[in-house]
């Protein structure tokens, strides 16, 4: 744990944990802190967070794999997180994802060797009324996607 939680990082984590009724409740914020410090969350970091909070490593891993805001690998400059759940799939999400993969020459789960962009098929982004949709980087949500909208978006951000 000392390898991940340096004295400085541990002091910051201690302040976060103090804001919560239980240590477990701070898992999202402690993971955010670790990711901001290292750029992504490795398996070793997941285990260190679990140990620090006194919870099972699988509980931390479930959080990491559910939320799109956590990265287990270094981030690319431009990140396309395409929703793959029911509403988006029924309204053309698979076709949109396929078109994006073809346009960028990548498959979901891959990053361009230059680190310029990556594609992820992710769980629900919580905007079914905009299906099919994607999250661009960490803060922009774009919905009602079509092949034409994908073409425009790629041209704009790449």
N, C-alpha and C. Protein backbone atom coordinates (compact mmCIF):
# COMPACT_ATOMS: atom_id res chain seq x y z
N UNK A 1 0.83 -1.19 0.00
CA UNK A 1 0.00 0.00 0.00
C UNK A 1 0.87 1.26 0.00
N UNK A 2 2.00 1.25 0.69
CA UNK A 2 2.86 2.43 0.77
C UNK A 2 3.39 2.84 -0.59
N UNK A 3 3.50 1.86 -1.50
CA UNK A 3 3.99 2.16 -2.84
C UNK A 3 3.00 3.05 -3.60
N UNK A 4 1.71 2.82 -3.40
CA UNK A 4 0.67 3.62 -4.06
C UNK A 4 0.35 4.86 -3.23
N UNK A 5 0.08 4.65 -1.95
CA UNK A 5 -0.29 5.76 -1.07
C UNK A 5 0.95 6.38 -0.45
N UNK A 6 1.54 7.28 -1.19
CA UNK A 6 2.66 8.05 -0.66
C UNK A 6 2.15 8.85 0.54
N UNK A 7 3.02 9.35 1.39
CA UNK A 7 2.54 10.13 2.54
C UNK A 7 1.63 11.30 2.12
N UNK A 8 1.98 11.97 1.05
CA UNK A 8 1.18 13.11 0.56
C UNK A 8 -0.20 12.63 0.09
N UNK A 9 -0.23 11.54 -0.69
CA UNK A 9 -1.50 11.02 -1.21
C UNK A 9 -2.36 10.48 -0.07
N UNK A 10 -1.73 9.82 0.89
CA UNK A 10 -2.47 9.28 2.04
C UNK A 10 -3.09 10.41 2.85
N UNK A 11 -2.37 11.50 3.02
CA UNK A 11 -2.91 12.65 3.77
C UNK A 11 -4.15 13.21 3.06
N UNK A 12 -4.10 13.30 1.75
CA UNK A 12 -5.26 13.78 0.99
C UNK A 12 -6.42 12.79 1.10
N UNK A 13 -6.11 11.51 1.02
CA UNK A 13 -7.16 10.48 1.13
C UNK A 13 -7.78 10.50 2.52
N UNK A 14 -6.98 10.70 3.54
CA UNK A 14 -7.49 10.76 4.91
C UNK A 14 -8.50 11.90 5.05
N UNK A 15 -8.24 13.03 4.41
CA UNK A 15 -9.17 14.17 4.46
C UNK A 15 -10.49 13.82 3.77
N UNK A 16 -10.39 13.09 2.66
CA UNK A 16 -11.60 12.68 1.94
C UNK A 16 -12.42 11.71 2.80
N UNK A 17 -11.77 10.70 3.32
CA UNK A 17 -12.45 9.68 4.13
C UNK A 17 -13.15 10.31 5.33
N UNK A 18 -12.54 11.33 5.92
CA UNK A 18 -13.12 11.99 7.09
C UNK A 18 -14.47 12.64 6.79
N UNK A 19 -14.76 12.91 5.53
CA UNK A 19 -16.02 13.54 5.15
C UNK A 19 -17.19 12.57 5.09
N UNK A 20 -16.91 11.28 5.17
CA UNK A 20 -17.94 10.26 5.00
C UNK A 20 -18.22 9.53 6.30
N UNK A 21 -19.46 9.02 6.38
CA UNK A 21 -19.88 8.28 7.56
C UNK A 21 -19.12 6.96 7.71
N UNK A 22 -18.83 6.32 6.58
CA UNK A 22 -18.05 5.08 6.60
C UNK A 22 -16.90 5.20 5.60
N UNK A 23 -15.85 4.45 5.82
CA UNK A 23 -14.70 4.48 4.90
C UNK A 23 -15.12 4.03 3.51
N UNK A 24 -15.95 2.98 3.45
CA UNK A 24 -16.42 2.41 2.19
C UNK A 24 -17.11 3.46 1.31
N UNK A 25 -17.84 4.36 1.92
CA UNK A 25 -18.61 5.37 1.18
C UNK A 25 -17.70 6.33 0.40
N UNK A 26 -16.44 6.38 0.73
CA UNK A 26 -15.52 7.31 0.06
C UNK A 26 -14.82 6.69 -1.15
N UNK A 27 -15.18 5.47 -1.53
CA UNK A 27 -14.44 4.75 -2.57
C UNK A 27 -14.36 5.53 -3.89
N UNK A 28 -15.44 6.16 -4.32
CA UNK A 28 -15.41 6.90 -5.59
C UNK A 28 -14.40 8.04 -5.54
N UNK A 29 -14.42 8.79 -4.46
CA UNK A 29 -13.51 9.94 -4.33
C UNK A 29 -12.06 9.52 -4.14
N UNK A 30 -11.82 8.45 -3.39
CA UNK A 30 -10.45 8.00 -3.20
C UNK A 30 -9.89 7.47 -4.53
N UNK A 31 -10.71 6.76 -5.30
CA UNK A 31 -10.27 6.30 -6.62
C UNK A 31 -9.97 7.48 -7.54
N UNK A 32 -10.81 8.51 -7.48
CA UNK A 32 -10.57 9.72 -8.29
C UNK A 32 -9.24 10.35 -7.93
N UNK A 33 -8.97 10.42 -6.63
CA UNK A 33 -7.70 10.99 -6.15
C UNK A 33 -6.51 10.18 -6.68
N UNK A 34 -6.59 8.87 -6.58
CA UNK A 34 -5.51 8.00 -7.06
C UNK A 34 -5.34 8.16 -8.56
N UNK A 35 -6.45 8.21 -9.30
CA UNK A 35 -6.36 8.34 -10.75
C UNK A 35 -5.77 9.69 -11.15
N UNK A 36 -6.18 10.75 -10.47
CA UNK A 36 -5.62 12.07 -10.78
C UNK A 36 -4.11 12.09 -10.52
N UNK A 37 -3.67 11.38 -9.50
CA UNK A 37 -2.25 11.36 -9.15
C UNK A 37 -1.43 10.55 -10.17
N UNK A 38 -1.94 9.39 -10.56
CA UNK A 38 -1.18 8.48 -11.43
C UNK A 38 -1.62 8.50 -12.90
N UNK A 39 -2.76 9.10 -13.20
CA UNK A 39 -3.25 9.14 -14.58
C UNK A 39 -4.20 8.01 -14.93
N UNK A 40 -4.11 6.91 -14.21
CA UNK A 40 -5.03 5.78 -14.38
C UNK A 40 -4.91 4.90 -13.14
N UNK A 41 -5.81 3.91 -13.03
CA UNK A 41 -5.84 3.06 -11.84
C UNK A 41 -5.45 1.64 -12.24
N UNK A 42 -4.30 1.20 -11.77
CA UNK A 42 -3.82 -0.15 -12.06
C UNK A 42 -4.45 -1.14 -11.09
N UNK A 43 -4.27 -2.43 -11.36
CA UNK A 43 -4.74 -3.47 -10.45
C UNK A 43 -4.08 -3.29 -9.08
N UNK A 44 -2.80 -2.96 -9.10
CA UNK A 44 -2.08 -2.73 -7.84
C UNK A 44 -2.72 -1.57 -7.06
N UNK A 45 -3.11 -0.52 -7.78
CA UNK A 45 -3.75 0.62 -7.12
C UNK A 45 -5.14 0.24 -6.60
N UNK A 46 -5.89 -0.58 -7.36
CA UNK A 46 -7.19 -1.06 -6.89
C UNK A 46 -7.03 -1.79 -5.56
N UNK A 47 -6.03 -2.67 -5.50
CA UNK A 47 -5.79 -3.44 -4.28
C UNK A 47 -5.37 -2.54 -3.12
N UNK A 48 -4.58 -1.52 -3.42
CA UNK A 48 -4.15 -0.59 -2.37
C UNK A 48 -5.34 0.20 -1.84
N UNK A 49 -6.24 0.62 -2.72
CA UNK A 49 -7.44 1.35 -2.29
C UNK A 49 -8.31 0.45 -1.43
N UNK A 50 -8.49 -0.80 -1.85
CA UNK A 50 -9.28 -1.75 -1.07
C UNK A 50 -8.68 -1.94 0.31
N UNK A 51 -7.38 -2.12 0.36
CA UNK A 51 -6.70 -2.30 1.64
C UNK A 51 -6.83 -1.05 2.51
N UNK A 52 -6.63 0.10 1.92
CA UNK A 52 -6.73 1.37 2.64
C UNK A 52 -8.13 1.57 3.23
N UNK A 53 -9.16 1.22 2.44
CA UNK A 53 -10.54 1.43 2.90
C UNK A 53 -11.09 0.26 3.71
N UNK A 54 -10.36 -0.86 3.72
CA UNK A 54 -10.82 -2.02 4.48
C UNK A 54 -11.98 -2.74 3.81
N UNK A 55 -11.97 -2.78 2.48
CA UNK A 55 -13.01 -3.47 1.74
C UNK A 55 -12.38 -4.50 0.81
N UNK A 56 -13.20 -5.37 0.25
CA UNK A 56 -12.70 -6.42 -0.64
C UNK A 56 -12.22 -5.81 -1.96
N UNK A 57 -11.12 -6.31 -2.52
CA UNK A 57 -10.63 -5.81 -3.81
C UNK A 57 -11.68 -5.89 -4.92
N UNK A 58 -12.54 -6.93 -4.88
CA UNK A 58 -13.57 -7.05 -5.92
C UNK A 58 -14.55 -5.88 -5.86
N UNK A 59 -14.81 -5.35 -4.66
CA UNK A 59 -15.71 -4.20 -4.54
C UNK A 59 -15.14 -2.97 -5.25
N UNK A 60 -13.85 -2.79 -5.15
CA UNK A 60 -13.19 -1.67 -5.83
C UNK A 60 -13.18 -1.93 -7.34
N UNK A 61 -12.89 -3.16 -7.74
CA UNK A 61 -12.86 -3.50 -9.17
C UNK A 61 -14.23 -3.30 -9.82
N UNK A 62 -15.30 -3.64 -9.11
CA UNK A 62 -16.64 -3.44 -9.65
C UNK A 62 -16.92 -1.96 -9.91
N UNK A 63 -16.46 -1.10 -9.04
CA UNK A 63 -16.63 0.35 -9.22
C UNK A 63 -15.85 0.80 -10.45
N UNK A 64 -14.61 0.37 -10.55
CA UNK A 64 -13.74 0.75 -11.67
C UNK A 64 -14.34 0.34 -13.01
N UNK A 65 -14.89 -0.86 -13.07
CA UNK A 65 -15.39 -1.37 -14.35
C UNK A 65 -16.79 -0.89 -14.68
N UNK A 66 -17.51 -0.35 -13.71
CA UNK A 66 -18.86 0.16 -13.96
C UNK A 66 -18.84 1.59 -14.47
N UNK A 67 -18.08 2.46 -13.83
CA UNK A 67 -18.08 3.88 -14.15
C UNK A 67 -17.08 4.21 -15.25
N UNK A 68 -17.53 5.02 -16.22
CA UNK A 68 -16.65 5.40 -17.33
C UNK A 68 -15.63 6.46 -16.95
N UNK A 69 -15.75 7.03 -15.77
CA UNK A 69 -14.81 8.09 -15.39
C UNK A 69 -13.49 7.57 -14.85
N UNK A 70 -13.37 6.25 -14.70
CA UNK A 70 -12.11 5.67 -14.23
C UNK A 70 -11.39 4.97 -15.38
N UNK A 71 -10.10 5.16 -15.44
CA UNK A 71 -9.28 4.58 -16.50
C UNK A 71 -8.29 3.58 -15.92
N UNK A 72 -8.21 2.41 -16.54
CA UNK A 72 -7.28 1.38 -16.08
C UNK A 72 -6.01 1.36 -16.93
N UNK A 73 -6.00 2.18 -17.96
CA UNK A 73 -4.83 2.33 -18.83
C UNK A 73 -4.63 3.82 -19.06
N UNK A 74 -3.46 4.23 -19.51
CA UNK A 74 -3.27 5.65 -19.83
C UNK A 74 -4.35 6.13 -20.81
N UNK A 75 -4.80 7.36 -20.63
CA UNK A 75 -5.87 7.92 -21.45
C UNK A 75 -5.32 8.45 -22.77
N UNK A 76 -6.15 8.30 -23.81
CA UNK A 76 -5.82 8.93 -25.09
C UNK A 76 -6.27 10.39 -25.03
N UNK A 77 -5.84 11.16 -26.00
CA UNK A 77 -6.21 12.58 -26.06
C UNK A 77 -7.71 12.74 -26.27
N UNK A 78 -8.29 11.97 -27.21
CA UNK A 78 -9.72 12.01 -27.51
C UNK A 78 -10.29 10.63 -27.21
N UNK A 79 -11.35 10.61 -26.38
CA UNK A 79 -11.95 9.33 -25.97
C UNK A 79 -13.42 9.29 -26.36
N UNK A 80 -13.77 8.30 -27.16
CA UNK A 80 -15.15 8.07 -27.57
C UNK A 80 -15.71 6.91 -26.75
N UNK A 81 -16.63 7.20 -25.83
CA UNK A 81 -17.27 6.18 -25.02
C UNK A 81 -18.69 5.99 -25.56
N UNK A 82 -18.90 4.91 -26.29
CA UNK A 82 -20.18 4.68 -26.95
C UNK A 82 -21.05 3.78 -26.08
N UNK A 83 -22.27 4.23 -25.80
CA UNK A 83 -23.19 3.45 -24.99
C UNK A 83 -23.59 2.19 -25.76
N UNK A 84 -23.57 1.05 -25.05
CA UNK A 84 -23.90 -0.22 -25.69
C UNK A 84 -25.13 -0.88 -25.08
N UNK A 85 -25.83 -0.18 -24.19
CA UNK A 85 -26.94 -0.82 -23.51
C UNK A 85 -28.21 -0.78 -24.36
N UNK A 86 -29.29 -1.32 -23.82
CA UNK A 86 -30.48 -1.64 -24.59
C UNK A 86 -31.04 -0.51 -25.43
N UNK A 87 -31.34 0.63 -24.84
CA UNK A 87 -31.97 1.72 -25.60
C UNK A 87 -31.11 2.15 -26.78
N UNK A 88 -29.82 2.33 -26.52
CA UNK A 88 -28.92 2.75 -27.60
C UNK A 88 -28.79 1.66 -28.66
N UNK A 89 -28.71 0.41 -28.25
CA UNK A 89 -28.59 -0.69 -29.21
C UNK A 89 -29.82 -0.78 -30.10
N UNK A 90 -30.99 -0.65 -29.49
CA UNK A 90 -32.23 -0.74 -30.26
C UNK A 90 -32.40 0.40 -31.26
N UNK A 91 -31.78 1.54 -30.96
CA UNK A 91 -31.95 2.71 -31.81
C UNK A 91 -30.73 2.98 -32.70
N UNK A 92 -29.91 1.95 -32.92
CA UNK A 92 -28.82 2.08 -33.89
C UNK A 92 -27.43 2.20 -33.30
N UNK A 93 -27.28 1.98 -32.02
CA UNK A 93 -25.98 2.12 -31.37
C UNK A 93 -24.90 1.21 -31.93
N UNK A 94 -25.28 -0.02 -32.27
CA UNK A 94 -24.28 -0.96 -32.82
C UNK A 94 -23.76 -0.46 -34.17
N UNK A 95 -24.66 0.07 -34.98
CA UNK A 95 -24.25 0.59 -36.29
C UNK A 95 -23.37 1.82 -36.14
N UNK A 96 -23.71 2.68 -35.18
CA UNK A 96 -22.91 3.88 -34.91
C UNK A 96 -21.52 3.47 -34.45
N UNK A 97 -21.45 2.50 -33.54
CA UNK A 97 -20.15 2.02 -33.05
C UNK A 97 -19.34 1.44 -34.19
N UNK A 98 -19.96 0.64 -35.02
CA UNK A 98 -19.28 0.03 -36.17
C UNK A 98 -18.73 1.10 -37.11
N UNK A 99 -19.53 2.11 -37.35
CA UNK A 99 -19.10 3.20 -38.25
C UNK A 99 -17.92 3.96 -37.65
N UNK A 100 -17.98 4.22 -36.35
CA UNK A 100 -16.88 4.92 -35.68
C UNK A 100 -15.61 4.08 -35.73
N UNK A 101 -15.73 2.77 -35.49
CA UNK A 101 -14.58 1.88 -35.56
C UNK A 101 -13.95 1.92 -36.95
N UNK A 102 -14.79 1.86 -37.97
CA UNK A 102 -14.31 1.90 -39.35
C UNK A 102 -13.64 3.24 -39.65
N UNK A 103 -14.26 4.32 -39.21
CA UNK A 103 -13.75 5.67 -39.47
C UNK A 103 -12.36 5.88 -38.83
N UNK A 104 -12.18 5.35 -37.61
CA UNK A 104 -10.92 5.56 -36.89
C UNK A 104 -9.91 4.44 -37.09
N UNK A 105 -10.36 3.33 -37.69
CA UNK A 105 -9.46 2.18 -37.87
C UNK A 105 -9.13 1.48 -36.57
N UNK A 106 -10.06 1.54 -35.61
CA UNK A 106 -9.88 0.92 -34.30
C UNK A 106 -11.10 0.08 -33.96
N UNK A 107 -10.93 -0.84 -33.04
CA UNK A 107 -12.05 -1.59 -32.48
C UNK A 107 -12.31 -1.06 -31.08
N UNK A 108 -13.53 -1.27 -30.60
CA UNK A 108 -13.85 -0.88 -29.22
C UNK A 108 -12.85 -1.54 -28.28
N UNK A 109 -12.33 -0.77 -27.36
CA UNK A 109 -11.33 -1.26 -26.42
C UNK A 109 -9.91 -0.95 -26.85
N UNK A 110 -9.74 -0.36 -28.01
CA UNK A 110 -8.40 -0.06 -28.53
C UNK A 110 -8.09 1.43 -28.48
N UNK A 111 -6.80 1.72 -28.41
CA UNK A 111 -6.30 3.09 -28.49
C UNK A 111 -5.38 3.16 -29.70
N UNK A 112 -5.42 4.26 -30.42
CA UNK A 112 -4.51 4.47 -31.55
C UNK A 112 -3.08 4.44 -31.01
N UNK A 113 -2.15 3.83 -31.74
CA UNK A 113 -0.76 3.76 -31.26
C UNK A 113 -0.15 5.12 -30.89
N UNK A 114 -0.62 6.18 -31.53
CA UNK A 114 -0.10 7.52 -31.22
C UNK A 114 -0.68 8.08 -29.93
N UNK A 115 -1.72 7.43 -29.41
CA UNK A 115 -2.39 7.94 -28.22
C UNK A 115 -3.38 9.06 -28.52
N UNK A 116 -3.65 9.27 -29.81
CA UNK A 116 -4.54 10.37 -30.20
C UNK A 116 -6.00 10.10 -29.89
N UNK A 117 -6.44 8.85 -29.97
CA UNK A 117 -7.85 8.57 -29.72
C UNK A 117 -8.06 7.11 -29.31
N UNK A 118 -9.22 6.87 -28.71
CA UNK A 118 -9.60 5.51 -28.33
C UNK A 118 -11.11 5.40 -28.38
N UNK A 119 -11.57 4.15 -28.46
CA UNK A 119 -13.00 3.86 -28.47
C UNK A 119 -13.28 2.85 -27.37
N UNK A 120 -14.33 3.10 -26.61
CA UNK A 120 -14.80 2.14 -25.60
C UNK A 120 -16.30 1.94 -25.79
N UNK A 121 -16.76 0.71 -25.71
CA UNK A 121 -18.19 0.42 -25.62
C UNK A 121 -18.48 0.37 -24.13
N UNK A 122 -19.34 1.24 -23.64
CA UNK A 122 -19.55 1.40 -22.19
C UNK A 122 -20.98 1.10 -21.80
N UNK A 123 -21.16 0.94 -20.49
CA UNK A 123 -22.50 0.74 -19.94
C UNK A 123 -23.27 2.05 -20.00
N UNK A 124 -24.50 2.00 -19.65
CA UNK A 124 -25.45 3.11 -19.78
C UNK A 124 -24.86 4.45 -19.35
N UNK A 125 -25.03 5.43 -20.19
CA UNK A 125 -24.57 6.78 -19.89
C UNK A 125 -25.69 7.64 -19.32
N UNK A 126 -26.86 7.04 -19.12
CA UNK A 126 -27.94 7.72 -18.43
C UNK A 126 -28.68 8.78 -19.21
N UNK A 127 -28.70 8.65 -20.53
CA UNK A 127 -29.45 9.62 -21.35
C UNK A 127 -30.16 8.87 -22.47
N UNK A 128 -30.99 7.93 -22.08
CA UNK A 128 -31.68 7.07 -23.06
C UNK A 128 -32.51 7.87 -24.04
N UNK A 129 -33.00 9.03 -23.63
CA UNK A 129 -33.80 9.86 -24.54
C UNK A 129 -32.97 10.40 -25.70
N UNK A 130 -31.65 10.31 -25.60
CA UNK A 130 -30.76 10.77 -26.67
C UNK A 130 -30.17 9.61 -27.47
N UNK A 131 -30.67 8.42 -27.25
CA UNK A 131 -30.12 7.22 -27.89
C UNK A 131 -30.21 7.29 -29.41
N UNK A 132 -29.19 6.75 -30.08
CA UNK A 132 -27.91 6.29 -29.57
C UNK A 132 -26.99 7.46 -29.23
N UNK A 133 -26.15 7.25 -28.23
CA UNK A 133 -25.32 8.36 -27.77
C UNK A 133 -23.92 7.92 -27.38
N UNK A 134 -23.07 8.92 -27.19
CA UNK A 134 -21.71 8.66 -26.72
C UNK A 134 -21.27 9.79 -25.81
N UNK A 135 -20.23 9.48 -25.06
CA UNK A 135 -19.58 10.47 -24.21
C UNK A 135 -18.24 10.77 -24.85
N UNK A 136 -17.98 12.03 -25.11
CA UNK A 136 -16.71 12.46 -25.68
C UNK A 136 -15.83 12.95 -24.54
N UNK A 137 -14.67 12.32 -24.40
CA UNK A 137 -13.77 12.61 -23.28
C UNK A 137 -14.53 12.41 -21.97
N UNK A 138 -14.39 13.29 -21.02
CA UNK A 138 -15.03 13.06 -19.73
C UNK A 138 -16.26 13.93 -19.49
N UNK A 139 -16.56 14.84 -20.41
CA UNK A 139 -17.59 15.81 -20.06
C UNK A 139 -18.64 16.13 -21.11
N UNK A 140 -18.49 15.69 -22.33
CA UNK A 140 -19.45 16.05 -23.37
C UNK A 140 -20.26 14.83 -23.79
N UNK A 141 -21.59 14.98 -23.77
CA UNK A 141 -22.48 13.89 -24.16
C UNK A 141 -23.17 14.29 -25.46
N UNK A 142 -23.11 13.40 -26.44
CA UNK A 142 -23.66 13.69 -27.76
C UNK A 142 -24.64 12.59 -28.12
N UNK A 143 -25.87 12.99 -28.45
CA UNK A 143 -26.91 12.00 -28.69
C UNK A 143 -27.53 12.09 -30.07
N UNK A 144 -28.53 11.23 -30.25
CA UNK A 144 -29.23 11.11 -31.53
C UNK A 144 -28.23 10.91 -32.66
N UNK A 145 -27.27 10.03 -32.43
CA UNK A 145 -26.17 9.84 -33.36
C UNK A 145 -26.61 9.15 -34.64
N UNK A 146 -25.98 9.59 -35.71
CA UNK A 146 -26.12 8.97 -37.03
C UNK A 146 -24.72 8.83 -37.59
N UNK A 147 -24.59 8.14 -38.70
CA UNK A 147 -23.27 8.03 -39.34
C UNK A 147 -22.76 9.42 -39.73
N UNK A 148 -23.65 10.27 -40.18
CA UNK A 148 -23.27 11.62 -40.58
C UNK A 148 -22.78 12.43 -39.38
N UNK A 149 -23.46 12.30 -38.24
CA UNK A 149 -23.02 13.01 -37.03
C UNK A 149 -21.66 12.51 -36.57
N UNK A 150 -21.44 11.21 -36.70
CA UNK A 150 -20.13 10.63 -36.34
C UNK A 150 -19.05 11.22 -37.24
N UNK A 151 -19.32 11.29 -38.55
CA UNK A 151 -18.35 11.86 -39.50
C UNK A 151 -18.00 13.30 -39.12
N UNK A 152 -19.02 14.10 -38.80
CA UNK A 152 -18.80 15.50 -38.41
C UNK A 152 -17.99 15.59 -37.11
N UNK A 153 -18.34 14.74 -36.15
CA UNK A 153 -17.66 14.76 -34.85
C UNK A 153 -16.19 14.39 -35.01
N UNK A 154 -15.90 13.35 -35.75
CA UNK A 154 -14.51 12.92 -35.96
C UNK A 154 -13.73 14.03 -36.65
N UNK A 155 -14.32 14.63 -37.64
CA UNK A 155 -13.65 15.73 -38.37
C UNK A 155 -13.36 16.90 -37.42
N UNK A 156 -14.28 17.18 -36.52
CA UNK A 156 -14.14 18.31 -35.59
C UNK A 156 -13.06 18.07 -34.53
N UNK A 157 -12.99 16.87 -33.97
CA UNK A 157 -12.10 16.64 -32.83
C UNK A 157 -10.76 16.04 -33.18
N UNK A 158 -10.61 15.53 -34.37
CA UNK A 158 -9.34 14.86 -34.74
C UNK A 158 -8.49 15.81 -35.51
